[in-house]
Amino acid sequence: MASYTPNLSLHQWEPEDAFLRQDFNQDFQKIDAAVAAAKVNPCCKYGTYEGNGSAVTVNVGFRPSFLVLISTYDVNMNAGDTVCTMGVSGLMVEHTRSYGSKIYRSCTFTDTGFTVSEKSAGGMNVDGVTYHYIAFY
């Protein structure tokens, strides 16, 4: 007797199982529905925000589980050198190609996005600087 996959309940046949064309058709319908849902509800959202030197709240429409911030600030390093990642609210790690890593505690997740309050020259909220983000569900 066939077993089923855990996520989409697709058929998994044993060598001795008999199977019908309708089983394949049902599986293809489930796969097609899953692909359509992924197109409508992607896994992440990309956008930009402009730093203001104090606190910026970005609304992405959901509470992120992981966040990537990319700086365009260009002082003593090339624009785009600084990438910050955060998987835990309140703990953001800065990765730079040339200058090592730093930890910031000034970015938090909200129910609809995230807030960045770091305003130092190397931070992710310098006044007038554009930052790119990818927020994952």
C-alpha atoms as a PDB file:
ATOM      1  CA  MET A   1       0.000   0.000   0.000  1.00  0.00           C
ATOM      2  CA  ALA A   2       1.309   3.450  -0.897  1.00  0.00           C
ATOM      3  CA  SER A   3       2.474   5.861   1.744  1.00  0.00           C
ATOM      4  CA  TYR A   4       2.329   9.629   1.352  1.00  0.00           C
ATOM      5  CA  THR A   5       4.822  12.480   1.568  1.00  0.00           C
ATOM      6  CA  PRO A   6       4.489  14.659   4.689  1.00  0.00           C
ATOM      7  CA  ASN A   7       4.020  18.065   3.029  1.00  0.00           C
ATOM      8  CA  LEU A   8       1.792  17.572  -0.004  1.00  0.00           C
ATOM      9  CA  SER A   9       0.537  14.034   0.630  1.00  0.00           C
ATOM     10  CA  LEU A  10       1.920  12.821  -2.679  1.00  0.00           C
ATOM     11  CA  HIS A  11       1.827   9.099  -3.349  1.00  0.00           C
ATOM     12  CA  GLN A  12       4.919   7.038  -2.530  1.00  0.00           C
ATOM     13  CA  TRP A  13       4.538   3.570  -3.944  1.00  0.00           C
ATOM     14  CA  GLU A  14       6.235   0.379  -2.883  1.00  0.00           C
ATOM     15  CA  PRO A  15       7.458  -1.949  -5.654  1.00  0.00           C
ATOM     16  CA  GLU A  16       4.493  -4.296  -5.145  1.00  0.00           C
ATOM     17  CA  ASP A  17       1.872  -1.485  -5.221  1.00  0.00           C
ATOM     18  CA  ALA A  18      -0.582  -1.139  -8.061  1.00  0.00           C
ATOM     19  CA  PHE A  19      -1.197   2.453  -9.047  1.00  0.00           C
ATOM     20  CA  LEU A  20      -3.692   4.284 -11.188  1.00  0.00           C
ATOM     21  CA  ARG A  21      -3.459   7.194 -13.571  1.00  0.00           C
ATOM     22  CA  GLN A  22      -5.789   9.162 -11.272  1.00  0.00           C
ATOM     23  CA  ASP A  23      -3.120   8.912  -8.531  1.00  0.00           C
ATOM     24  CA  PHE A  24      -0.637  10.669 -10.815  1.00  0.00           C
ATOM     25  CA  ASN A  25      -3.222  13.266 -11.814  1.00  0.00           C
ATOM     26  CA  GLN A  26      -4.028  13.995  -8.154  1.00  0.00           C
ATOM     27  CA  ASP A  27      -0.320  14.395  -7.381  1.00  0.00           C
ATOM     28  CA  PHE A  28       0.217  16.761 -10.318  1.00  0.00           C
ATOM     29  CA  GLN A  29      -2.775  18.852  -9.215  1.00  0.00           C
ATOM     30  CA  LYS A  30      -1.282  19.149  -5.714  1.00  0.00           C
ATOM     31  CA  ILE A  31       2.115  20.139  -7.126  1.00  0.00           C
ATOM     32  CA  ASP A  32       0.539  22.689  -9.456  1.00  0.00           C
ATOM     33  CA  ALA A  33      -1.458  24.210  -6.578  1.00  0.00           C
ATOM     34  CA  ALA A  34       1.696  24.432  -4.428  1.00  0.00           C
ATOM     35  CA  VAL A  35       3.626  26.191  -7.213  1.00  0.00           C
ATOM     36  CA  ALA A  36       0.754  28.645  -7.735  1.00  0.00           C
ATOM     37  CA  ALA A  37       0.636  29.384  -3.995  1.00  0.00           C
ATOM     38  CA  ALA A  38       4.397  30.018  -3.937  1.00  0.00           C
ATOM     39  CA  LYS A  39       4.018  32.565  -6.744  1.00  0.00           C
ATOM     40  CA  VAL A  40       1.254  34.398  -4.885  1.00  0.00           C
ATOM     41  CA  ASN A  41       2.927  34.180  -1.459  1.00  0.00           C
ATOM     42  CA  PRO A  42       6.706  34.389  -1.951  1.00  0.00           C
ATOM     43  CA  CYS A  43       9.130  33.518   0.842  1.00  0.00           C
ATOM     44  CA  CYS A  44      10.543  37.009   1.207  1.00  0.00           C
ATOM     45  CA  LYS A  45      10.129  40.686   0.460  1.00  0.00           C
ATOM     46  CA  TYR A  46      12.733  43.074  -0.956  1.00  0.00           C
ATOM     47  CA  GLY A  47      12.729  46.815  -0.494  1.00  0.00           C
ATOM     48  CA  THR A  48      14.686  49.883   0.526  1.00  0.00           C
ATOM     49  CA  TYR A  49      14.507  52.417   3.326  1.00  0.00           C
ATOM     50  CA  GLU A  50      16.257  55.711   3.918  1.00  0.00           C
ATOM     51  CA  GLY A  51      18.136  56.234   7.150  1.00  0.00           C
ATOM     52  CA  ASN A  52      17.150  59.161   9.338  1.00  0.00           C
ATOM     53  CA  GLY A  53      19.734  58.993  12.125  1.00  0.00           C
ATOM     54  CA  SER A  54      17.227  58.127  14.856  1.00  0.00           C
ATOM     55  CA  ALA A  55      14.738  55.259  14.401  1.00  0.00           C
ATOM     56  CA  VAL A  56      13.256  53.884  11.182  1.00  0.00           C
ATOM     57  CA  THR A  57      10.350  51.440  11.195  1.00  0.00           C
ATOM     58  CA  VAL A  58       9.869  49.480   7.983  1.00  0.00           C
ATOM     59  CA  ASN A  59       6.514  47.820   7.290  1.00  0.00           C
ATOM     60  CA  VAL A  60       6.806  44.623   5.232  1.00  0.00           C
ATOM     61  CA  GLY A  61       3.368  43.259   6.155  1.00  0.00           C
ATOM     62  CA  PHE A  62       4.578  40.376   8.342  1.00  0.00           C
ATOM     63  CA  ARG A  63       6.933  39.591  11.220  1.00  0.00           C
ATOM     64  CA  PRO A  64      10.259  38.549   9.631  1.00  0.00           C
ATOM     65  CA  SER A  65      12.018  35.406  10.762  1.00  0.00           C
ATOM     66  CA  PHE A  66      15.296  36.505   9.144  1.00  0.00           C
ATOM     67  CA  LEU A  67      16.489  39.830   7.774  1.00  0.00           C
ATOM     68  CA  VAL A  68      19.351  40.907   5.483  1.00  0.00           C
ATOM     69  CA  LEU A  69      20.297  44.604   5.344  1.00  0.00           C
ATOM     70  CA  ILE A  70      22.741  45.952   2.759  1.00  0.00           C
ATOM     71  CA  SER A  71      24.311  49.370   3.171  1.00  0.00           C
ATOM     72  CA  THR A  72      25.078  51.816   0.360  1.00  0.00           C
ATOM     73  CA  TYR A  73      27.074  54.015   2.757  1.00  0.00           C
ATOM     74  CA  ASP A  74      30.594  54.678   1.436  1.00  0.00           C
ATOM     75  CA  VAL A  75      33.091  55.811   4.071  1.00  0.00           C
ATOM     76  CA  ASN A  76      36.433  53.963   4.179  1.00  0.00           C
ATOM     77  CA  MET A  77      34.865  51.020   2.376  1.00  0.00           C
ATOM     78  CA  ASN A  78      33.053  50.359  -0.866  1.00  0.00           C
ATOM     79  CA  ALA A  79      29.302  50.776  -1.007  1.00  0.00           C
ATOM     80  CA  GLY A  80      27.657  47.427  -0.481  1.00  0.00           C
ATOM     81  CA  ASP A  81      30.563  46.105   1.611  1.00  0.00           C
ATOM     82  CA  THR A  82      28.444  46.083   4.746  1.00  0.00           C
ATOM     83  CA  VAL A  83      25.795  43.417   5.082  1.00  0.00           C
ATOM     84  CA  CYS A  84      23.882  42.898   8.311  1.00  0.00           C
ATOM     85  CA  THR A  85      21.875  39.792   9.066  1.00  0.00           C
ATOM     86  CA  MET A  86      19.458  39.142  11.854  1.00  0.00           C
ATOM     87  CA  GLY A  87      17.642  35.972  12.823  1.00  0.00           C
ATOM     88  CA  VAL A  88      16.880  36.955  16.414  1.00  0.00           C
ATOM     89  CA  SER A  89      15.123  40.205  17.236  1.00  0.00           C
ATOM     90  CA  GLY A  90      17.517  42.622  18.862  1.00  0.00           C
ATOM     91  CA  LEU A  91      20.717  40.933  17.679  1.00  0.00           C
ATOM     92  CA  MET A  92      22.115  42.005  14.309  1.00  0.00           C
ATOM     93  CA  VAL A  93      25.535  40.916  13.012  1.00  0.00           C
ATOM     94  CA  GLU A  94      27.456  43.140  10.613  1.00  0.00           C
ATOM     95  CA  HIS A  95      29.670  41.372   8.079  1.00  0.00           C
ATOM     96  CA  THR A  96      32.227  43.421   6.151  1.00  0.00           C
ATOM     97  CA  ARG A  97      34.772  42.127   3.684  1.00  0.00           C
ATOM     98  CA  SER A  98      37.637  44.217   5.052  1.00  0.00           C
ATOM     99  CA  TYR A  99      36.933  45.161   8.636  1.00  0.00           C
ATOM    100  CA  GLY A 100      35.626  42.105  10.455  1.00  0.00           C
ATOM    101  CA  SER A 101      32.279  41.797  12.187  1.00  0.00           C
ATOM    102  CA  LYS A 102      30.287  43.808  14.713  1.00  0.00           C
ATOM    103  CA  ILE A 103      27.162  43.075  16.689  1.00  0.00           C
ATOM    104  CA  TYR A 104      24.356  45.620  16.968  1.00  0.00           C
ATOM    105  CA  ARG A 105      21.498  45.419  19.428  1.00  0.00           C
ATOM    106  CA  SER A 106      19.449  48.196  17.914  1.00  0.00           C
ATOM    107  CA  CYS A 107      17.294  46.399  15.351  1.00  0.00           C
ATOM    108  CA  THR A 108      14.099  44.672  16.413  1.00  0.00           C
ATOM    109  CA  PHE A 109      11.347  42.755  14.671  1.00  0.00           C
ATOM    110  CA  THR A 110       7.785  44.001  14.883  1.00  0.00           C
ATOM    111  CA  ASP A 111       4.568  42.188  13.978  1.00  0.00           C
ATOM    112  CA  THR A 112       4.582  43.991  10.617  1.00  0.00           C
ATOM    113  CA  GLY A 113       8.293  44.476   9.889  1.00  0.00           C
ATOM    114  CA  PHE A 114      11.340  45.799  11.703  1.00  0.00           C
ATOM    115  CA  THR A 115      12.770  48.895  13.396  1.00  0.00           C
ATOM    116  CA  VAL A 116      16.394  50.023  13.049  1.00  0.00           C
ATOM    117  CA  SER A 117      17.689  52.601  15.517  1.00  0.00           C
ATOM    118  CA  GLU A 118      21.473  52.274  15.020  1.00  0.00           C
ATOM    119  CA  LYS A 119      22.760  55.638  13.833  1.00  0.00           C
ATOM    120  CA  SER A 120      26.551  55.398  14.111  1.00  0.00           C
ATOM    121  CA  ALA A 121      28.622  55.928  10.954  1.00  0.00           C
ATOM    122  CA  GLY A 122      28.963  52.171  10.492  1.00  0.00           C
ATOM    123  CA  GLY A 123      25.386  51.443  11.456  1.00  0.00           C
ATOM    124  CA  MET A 124      22.343  50.718   9.365  1.00  0.00           C
ATOM    125  CA  ASN A 125      20.483  54.020   9.847  1.00  0.00           C
ATOM    126  CA  VAL A 126      22.795  56.856   8.795  1.00  0.00           C
ATOM    127  CA  ASP A 127      20.789  59.962   7.915  1.00  0.00           C
ATOM    128  CA  GLY A 128      20.101  60.219   4.176  1.00  0.00           C
ATOM    129  CA  VAL A 129      21.621  56.840   3.254  1.00  0.00           C
ATOM    130  CA  THR A 130      19.587  54.267   1.316  1.00  0.00           C
ATOM    131  CA  TYR A 131      19.592  50.688   2.610  1.00  0.00           C
ATOM    132  CA  HIS A 132      18.333  47.560   0.870  1.00  0.00           C
ATOM    133  CA  TYR A 133      16.601  44.782   2.789  1.00  0.00           C
ATOM    134  CA  ILE A 134      15.370  41.257   2.228  1.00  0.00           C
ATOM    135  CA  ALA A 135      12.883  40.163   4.884  1.00  0.00           C
ATOM    136  CA  PHE A 136      12.063  36.451   5.027  1.00  0.00           C
ATOM    137  CA  TYR A 137       8.824  34.950   6.381  1.00  0.00           C
END
